[in-house]
Amino acid sequence: MRLIDTLLRVASAEQGPFRAQLLREDVERLRTLQTLARSGPDLAHFKKAGMRIGWTQGDLRTHELRAPLEALLEAVYACETGSAGEDAEDRIEAAWRELHRTRLERLVGCLSTAVPKPAD
């Protein structure tokens, strides 16, 4: 999967420890998706399993990522099972960008509400 190669390349050059760790974790998630897609009986089973591989801490907030995550899962499944067209890798990368953007928005939103505001 081209996305895995890209993330590994970015992670190897990343200076920030938090971002590098997140990239390594994402690579492992994508590898898990590859395995699940190849071994699962169908798309429904794959999506159910793929939603619960640690996209958020304890998967407690993964439901907030449902739409972009489902798009990624469908693209990965199609690519890994050979049912996708020539644009399979492009579909995966586009879905990934949207999932990553949404996930970071949720993370930043979570962090911004947890920080106490300075007293005036």
N, C-alpha and C. Protein backbone atom coordinates (compact mmCIF):
# COMPACT_ATOMS: atom_id res chain seq x y z
N MET A 1 0.85 -1.17 0.00
CA MET A 1 0.00 0.00 0.00
C MET A 1 0.90 1.24 0.00
N ARG A 2 0.67 2.08 -0.94
CA ARG A 2 1.48 3.29 -1.11
C ARG A 2 1.43 4.19 0.12
N LEU A 3 0.29 4.27 0.76
CA LEU A 3 0.15 5.12 1.94
C LEU A 3 1.08 4.67 3.06
N ILE A 4 1.23 3.38 3.24
CA ILE A 4 2.14 2.88 4.28
C ILE A 4 3.56 3.34 3.98
N ASP A 5 3.98 3.21 2.75
CA ASP A 5 5.33 3.65 2.36
C ASP A 5 5.52 5.14 2.63
N THR A 6 4.51 5.92 2.30
CA THR A 6 4.58 7.37 2.52
C THR A 6 4.69 7.69 4.01
N LEU A 7 3.85 7.06 4.82
CA LEU A 7 3.88 7.33 6.26
C LEU A 7 5.20 6.90 6.89
N LEU A 8 5.75 5.78 6.45
CA LEU A 8 7.05 5.34 6.96
C LEU A 8 8.15 6.35 6.61
N ARG A 9 8.11 6.86 5.40
CA ARG A 9 9.10 7.84 4.97
C ARG A 9 8.97 9.13 5.80
N VAL A 10 7.75 9.59 6.01
CA VAL A 10 7.53 10.80 6.80
C VAL A 10 7.96 10.57 8.25
N ALA A 11 7.62 9.42 8.81
CA ALA A 11 7.97 9.11 10.20
C ALA A 11 9.48 9.08 10.40
N SER A 12 10.22 8.58 9.42
CA SER A 12 11.67 8.48 9.57
C SER A 12 12.33 9.86 9.59
N ALA A 13 11.69 10.86 8.99
CA ALA A 13 12.24 12.21 8.95
C ALA A 13 11.63 13.13 10.00
N GLU A 14 10.61 12.67 10.70
CA GLU A 14 9.89 13.51 11.66
C GLU A 14 10.75 13.81 12.88
N GLN A 15 10.80 15.08 13.25
CA GLN A 15 11.58 15.52 14.40
C GLN A 15 10.77 15.48 15.70
N GLY A 16 9.47 15.66 15.58
CA GLY A 16 8.62 15.70 16.77
C GLY A 16 8.29 14.30 17.26
N PRO A 17 8.55 13.99 18.52
CA PRO A 17 8.31 12.64 19.02
C PRO A 17 6.83 12.24 19.01
N PHE A 18 5.93 13.17 19.30
CA PHE A 18 4.50 12.85 19.31
C PHE A 18 4.04 12.48 17.91
N ARG A 19 4.38 13.31 16.95
CA ARG A 19 3.96 13.05 15.56
C ARG A 19 4.60 11.77 15.02
N ALA A 20 5.86 11.54 15.32
CA ALA A 20 6.54 10.32 14.85
C ALA A 20 5.85 9.08 15.42
N GLN A 21 5.49 9.13 16.69
CA GLN A 21 4.81 8.00 17.32
C GLN A 21 3.45 7.78 16.69
N LEU A 22 2.71 8.84 16.46
CA LEU A 22 1.39 8.72 15.82
C LEU A 22 1.52 8.10 14.43
N LEU A 23 2.52 8.51 13.68
CA LEU A 23 2.74 7.95 12.35
C LEU A 23 3.05 6.45 12.42
N ARG A 24 3.89 6.06 13.36
CA ARG A 24 4.21 4.63 13.51
C ARG A 24 2.95 3.83 13.89
N GLU A 25 2.15 4.40 14.77
CA GLU A 25 0.90 3.73 15.16
C GLU A 25 -0.05 3.62 13.97
N ASP A 26 -0.10 4.66 13.16
CA ASP A 26 -0.96 4.63 11.97
C ASP A 26 -0.50 3.57 10.98
N VAL A 27 0.80 3.42 10.82
CA VAL A 27 1.32 2.37 9.94
C VAL A 27 0.86 1.01 10.43
N GLU A 28 0.94 0.79 11.73
CA GLU A 28 0.49 -0.49 12.29
C GLU A 28 -1.01 -0.70 12.09
N ARG A 29 -1.78 0.36 12.23
CA ARG A 29 -3.23 0.25 11.99
C ARG A 29 -3.50 -0.14 10.54
N LEU A 30 -2.79 0.49 9.62
CA LEU A 30 -2.99 0.18 8.20
C LEU A 30 -2.56 -1.24 7.88
N ARG A 31 -1.49 -1.70 8.48
CA ARG A 31 -1.08 -3.09 8.28
C ARG A 31 -2.12 -4.06 8.84
N THR A 32 -2.70 -3.68 9.96
CA THR A 32 -3.77 -4.50 10.54
C THR A 32 -4.96 -4.55 9.58
N LEU A 33 -5.29 -3.40 8.99
CA LEU A 33 -6.39 -3.38 8.02
C LEU A 33 -6.09 -4.28 6.83
N GLN A 34 -4.86 -4.27 6.35
CA GLN A 34 -4.50 -5.16 5.25
C GLN A 34 -4.76 -6.61 5.62
N THR A 35 -4.34 -7.01 6.79
CA THR A 35 -4.53 -8.38 7.25
C THR A 35 -6.01 -8.71 7.39
N LEU A 36 -6.76 -7.80 7.99
CA LEU A 36 -8.20 -8.03 8.16
C LEU A 36 -8.91 -8.15 6.82
N ALA A 37 -8.54 -7.32 5.87
CA ALA A 37 -9.20 -7.34 4.55
C ALA A 37 -8.95 -8.66 3.84
N ARG A 38 -7.76 -9.18 3.98
CA ARG A 38 -7.40 -10.42 3.29
C ARG A 38 -7.99 -11.65 3.97
N SER A 39 -8.29 -11.55 5.26
CA SER A 39 -8.74 -12.73 5.99
C SER A 39 -10.23 -12.73 6.32
N GLY A 40 -10.88 -11.58 6.21
CA GLY A 40 -12.29 -11.50 6.57
C GLY A 40 -13.22 -12.03 5.50
N PRO A 41 -14.41 -12.45 5.92
CA PRO A 41 -15.35 -13.03 4.96
C PRO A 41 -16.01 -12.03 4.02
N ASP A 42 -16.19 -10.78 4.49
CA ASP A 42 -16.88 -9.80 3.64
C ASP A 42 -16.62 -8.38 4.15
N LEU A 43 -17.11 -7.40 3.39
CA LEU A 43 -16.90 -6.00 3.72
C LEU A 43 -17.51 -5.64 5.06
N ALA A 44 -18.70 -6.12 5.36
CA ALA A 44 -19.37 -5.78 6.63
C ALA A 44 -18.54 -6.25 7.82
N HIS A 45 -18.04 -7.45 7.75
CA HIS A 45 -17.20 -7.98 8.82
C HIS A 45 -15.92 -7.16 8.95
N PHE A 46 -15.31 -6.85 7.81
CA PHE A 46 -14.08 -6.05 7.80
C PHE A 46 -14.31 -4.68 8.42
N LYS A 47 -15.39 -4.01 8.04
CA LYS A 47 -15.66 -2.68 8.58
C LYS A 47 -15.88 -2.73 10.09
N LYS A 48 -16.60 -3.73 10.55
CA LYS A 48 -16.86 -3.86 11.98
C LYS A 48 -15.54 -4.04 12.73
N ALA A 49 -14.69 -4.92 12.24
CA ALA A 49 -13.39 -5.15 12.88
C ALA A 49 -12.47 -3.93 12.74
N GLY A 50 -12.48 -3.31 11.57
CA GLY A 50 -11.60 -2.18 11.30
C GLY A 50 -11.93 -0.94 12.10
N MET A 51 -13.14 -0.84 12.57
CA MET A 51 -13.55 0.31 13.39
C MET A 51 -12.99 0.19 14.81
N ARG A 52 -12.52 -0.98 15.17
CA ARG A 52 -12.11 -1.22 16.56
C ARG A 52 -10.65 -1.64 16.68
N ILE A 53 -9.77 -0.86 16.06
CA ILE A 53 -8.35 -1.20 16.15
C ILE A 53 -7.55 -0.06 16.78
N GLY A 54 -8.20 0.75 17.59
CA GLY A 54 -7.49 1.79 18.32
C GLY A 54 -7.33 3.11 17.60
N TRP A 55 -8.33 3.51 16.84
CA TRP A 55 -8.24 4.80 16.14
C TRP A 55 -8.24 5.95 17.12
N THR A 56 -8.88 5.77 18.27
CA THR A 56 -8.83 6.73 19.36
C THR A 56 -8.50 5.93 20.62
N GLN A 57 -8.14 6.61 21.68
CA GLN A 57 -7.79 5.94 22.93
C GLN A 57 -8.92 5.02 23.37
N GLY A 58 -8.64 3.73 23.40
CA GLY A 58 -9.65 2.77 23.81
C GLY A 58 -10.85 2.71 22.87
N ASP A 59 -10.73 3.31 21.71
CA ASP A 59 -11.82 3.42 20.73
C ASP A 59 -13.06 4.09 21.30
N LEU A 60 -12.88 4.87 22.37
CA LEU A 60 -14.01 5.53 23.01
C LEU A 60 -14.60 6.64 22.16
N ARG A 61 -13.79 7.26 21.31
CA ARG A 61 -14.30 8.36 20.48
C ARG A 61 -14.25 8.04 18.99
N THR A 62 -14.00 6.79 18.66
CA THR A 62 -13.92 6.40 17.25
C THR A 62 -15.22 6.68 16.51
N HIS A 63 -16.35 6.61 17.21
CA HIS A 63 -17.64 6.89 16.56
C HIS A 63 -17.67 8.30 15.96
N GLU A 64 -16.87 9.22 16.51
CA GLU A 64 -16.82 10.58 15.98
C GLU A 64 -16.11 10.64 14.62
N LEU A 65 -15.41 9.58 14.28
CA LEU A 65 -14.68 9.51 13.01
C LEU A 65 -15.38 8.63 11.99
N ARG A 66 -16.59 8.22 12.29
CA ARG A 66 -17.28 7.19 11.51
C ARG A 66 -17.27 7.45 10.00
N ALA A 67 -17.73 8.59 9.54
CA ALA A 67 -17.85 8.82 8.09
C ALA A 67 -16.50 8.74 7.37
N PRO A 68 -15.48 9.49 7.79
CA PRO A 68 -14.21 9.38 7.06
C PRO A 68 -13.54 8.03 7.27
N LEU A 69 -13.73 7.41 8.42
CA LEU A 69 -13.12 6.10 8.67
C LEU A 69 -13.77 5.04 7.79
N GLU A 70 -15.08 5.09 7.64
CA GLU A 70 -15.75 4.13 6.77
C GLU A 70 -15.29 4.28 5.32
N ALA A 71 -15.08 5.51 4.88
CA ALA A 71 -14.57 5.72 3.52
C ALA A 71 -13.19 5.09 3.36
N LEU A 72 -12.34 5.25 4.37
CA LEU A 72 -11.02 4.63 4.31
C LEU A 72 -11.14 3.11 4.32
N LEU A 73 -11.97 2.58 5.18
CA LEU A 73 -12.13 1.13 5.26
C LEU A 73 -12.61 0.55 3.94
N GLU A 74 -13.57 1.20 3.32
CA GLU A 74 -14.08 0.72 2.03
C GLU A 74 -12.99 0.76 0.96
N ALA A 75 -12.18 1.82 0.96
CA ALA A 75 -11.11 1.93 -0.04
C ALA A 75 -10.03 0.87 0.19
N VAL A 76 -9.66 0.66 1.44
CA VAL A 76 -8.64 -0.36 1.75
C VAL A 76 -9.16 -1.75 1.39
N TYR A 77 -10.39 -2.03 1.74
CA TYR A 77 -10.96 -3.35 1.44
C TYR A 77 -10.98 -3.60 -0.07
N ALA A 78 -11.42 -2.61 -0.82
CA ALA A 78 -11.47 -2.76 -2.28
C ALA A 78 -10.08 -2.99 -2.85
N CYS A 79 -9.11 -2.27 -2.35
CA CYS A 79 -7.74 -2.41 -2.84
C CYS A 79 -7.17 -3.78 -2.48
N GLU A 80 -7.33 -4.18 -1.25
CA GLU A 80 -6.72 -5.42 -0.77
C GLU A 80 -7.41 -6.67 -1.30
N THR A 81 -8.66 -6.57 -1.69
CA THR A 81 -9.37 -7.74 -2.21
C THR A 81 -9.40 -7.76 -3.73
N GLY A 82 -8.79 -6.77 -4.35
CA GLY A 82 -8.71 -6.74 -5.80
C GLY A 82 -9.99 -6.29 -6.49
N SER A 83 -10.90 -5.71 -5.75
CA SER A 83 -12.16 -5.28 -6.35
C SER A 83 -12.16 -3.79 -6.71
N ALA A 84 -11.00 -3.14 -6.54
CA ALA A 84 -10.90 -1.71 -6.84
C ALA A 84 -10.34 -1.51 -8.25
N GLY A 85 -10.56 -0.33 -8.75
CA GLY A 85 -10.02 0.02 -10.06
C GLY A 85 -8.60 0.52 -9.94
N GLU A 86 -8.13 1.12 -11.00
CA GLU A 86 -6.76 1.62 -11.04
C GLU A 86 -6.52 2.77 -10.07
N ASP A 87 -7.58 3.42 -9.64
CA ASP A 87 -7.44 4.56 -8.74
C ASP A 87 -7.50 4.16 -7.26
N ALA A 88 -7.32 2.89 -6.96
CA ALA A 88 -7.47 2.39 -5.59
C ALA A 88 -6.54 3.11 -4.61
N GLU A 89 -5.29 3.25 -4.97
CA GLU A 89 -4.34 3.91 -4.06
C GLU A 89 -4.70 5.38 -3.87
N ASP A 90 -5.18 6.03 -4.93
CA ASP A 90 -5.60 7.42 -4.82
C ASP A 90 -6.80 7.55 -3.89
N ARG A 91 -7.73 6.61 -3.98
CA ARG A 91 -8.90 6.62 -3.10
C ARG A 91 -8.49 6.43 -1.65
N ILE A 92 -7.54 5.55 -1.41
CA ILE A 92 -7.06 5.34 -0.04
C ILE A 92 -6.43 6.62 0.49
N GLU A 93 -5.59 7.25 -0.29
CA GLU A 93 -4.92 8.46 0.17
C GLU A 93 -5.89 9.61 0.40
N ALA A 94 -6.88 9.76 -0.46
CA ALA A 94 -7.88 10.81 -0.25
C ALA A 94 -8.70 10.55 1.02
N ALA A 95 -9.08 9.31 1.22
CA ALA A 95 -9.84 8.96 2.43
C ALA A 95 -8.97 9.16 3.67
N TRP A 96 -7.69 8.82 3.56
CA TRP A 96 -6.78 9.00 4.68
C TRP A 96 -6.64 10.48 5.05
N ARG A 97 -6.48 11.33 4.06
CA ARG A 97 -6.35 12.77 4.34
C ARG A 97 -7.56 13.29 5.10
N GLU A 98 -8.74 12.86 4.69
CA GLU A 98 -9.96 13.32 5.37
C GLU A 98 -10.05 12.75 6.79
N LEU A 99 -9.72 11.49 6.95
CA LEU A 99 -9.72 10.89 8.28
C LEU A 99 -8.70 11.59 9.18
N HIS A 100 -7.52 11.81 8.68
CA HIS A 100 -6.46 12.45 9.46
C HIS A 100 -6.88 13.87 9.86
N ARG A 101 -7.45 14.61 8.93
CA ARG A 101 -7.91 15.97 9.23
C ARG A 101 -8.97 15.95 10.32
N THR A 102 -9.95 15.08 10.18
CA THR A 102 -11.03 14.98 11.16
C THR A 102 -10.50 14.56 12.52
N ARG A 103 -9.62 13.59 12.53
CA ARG A 103 -9.06 13.11 13.79
C ARG A 103 -8.28 14.20 14.50
N LEU A 104 -7.49 14.97 13.77
CA LEU A 104 -6.74 16.07 14.38
C LEU A 104 -7.66 17.17 14.89
N GLU A 105 -8.73 17.45 14.17
CA GLU A 105 -9.71 18.43 14.66
C GLU A 105 -10.29 17.99 15.99
N ARG A 106 -10.62 16.73 16.11
CA ARG A 106 -11.19 16.21 17.36
C ARG A 106 -10.17 16.27 18.48
N LEU A 107 -8.92 15.91 18.16
CA LEU A 107 -7.87 15.94 19.16
C LEU A 107 -7.61 17.35 19.65
N VAL A 108 -7.47 18.28 18.72
CA VAL A 108 -7.23 19.67 19.09
C VAL A 108 -8.43 20.21 19.87
N GLY A 109 -9.63 19.88 19.43
CA GLY A 109 -10.81 20.32 20.16
C GLY A 109 -10.84 19.78 21.57
N CYS A 110 -10.45 18.54 21.73
CA CYS A 110 -10.40 17.90 23.04
C CYS A 110 -9.37 18.59 23.92
N LEU A 111 -8.20 18.86 23.36
CA LEU A 111 -7.14 19.51 24.13
C LEU A 111 -7.50 20.95 24.48
N SER A 112 -8.14 21.65 23.57
CA SER A 112 -8.46 23.06 23.82
C SER A 112 -9.51 23.22 24.89
N THR A 113 -10.39 22.26 25.07
CA THR A 113 -11.40 22.38 26.12
C THR A 113 -10.86 21.90 27.47
N ALA A 114 -9.73 21.20 27.47
CA ALA A 114 -9.18 20.69 28.71
C ALA A 114 -8.21 21.68 29.36
N VAL A 115 -7.80 22.70 28.61
CA VAL A 115 -6.84 23.66 29.14
C VAL A 115 -7.59 24.77 29.87
N PRO A 116 -7.25 25.00 31.13
CA PRO A 116 -7.93 26.08 31.84
C PRO A 116 -7.59 27.45 31.24
N LYS A 117 -8.55 28.31 31.21
CA LYS A 117 -8.33 29.64 30.68
C LYS A 117 -7.70 30.53 31.76
N PRO A 118 -6.78 31.38 31.35
CA PRO A 118 -6.14 32.26 32.35
C PRO A 118 -7.14 33.25 32.94
N ALA A 119 -6.94 33.56 34.20
CA ALA A 119 -7.81 34.53 34.88
C ALA A 119 -7.44 35.93 34.39
N ASP A 120 -8.44 36.75 34.19
CA ASP A 120 -8.19 38.13 33.74
C ASP A 120 -7.88 39.04 34.88
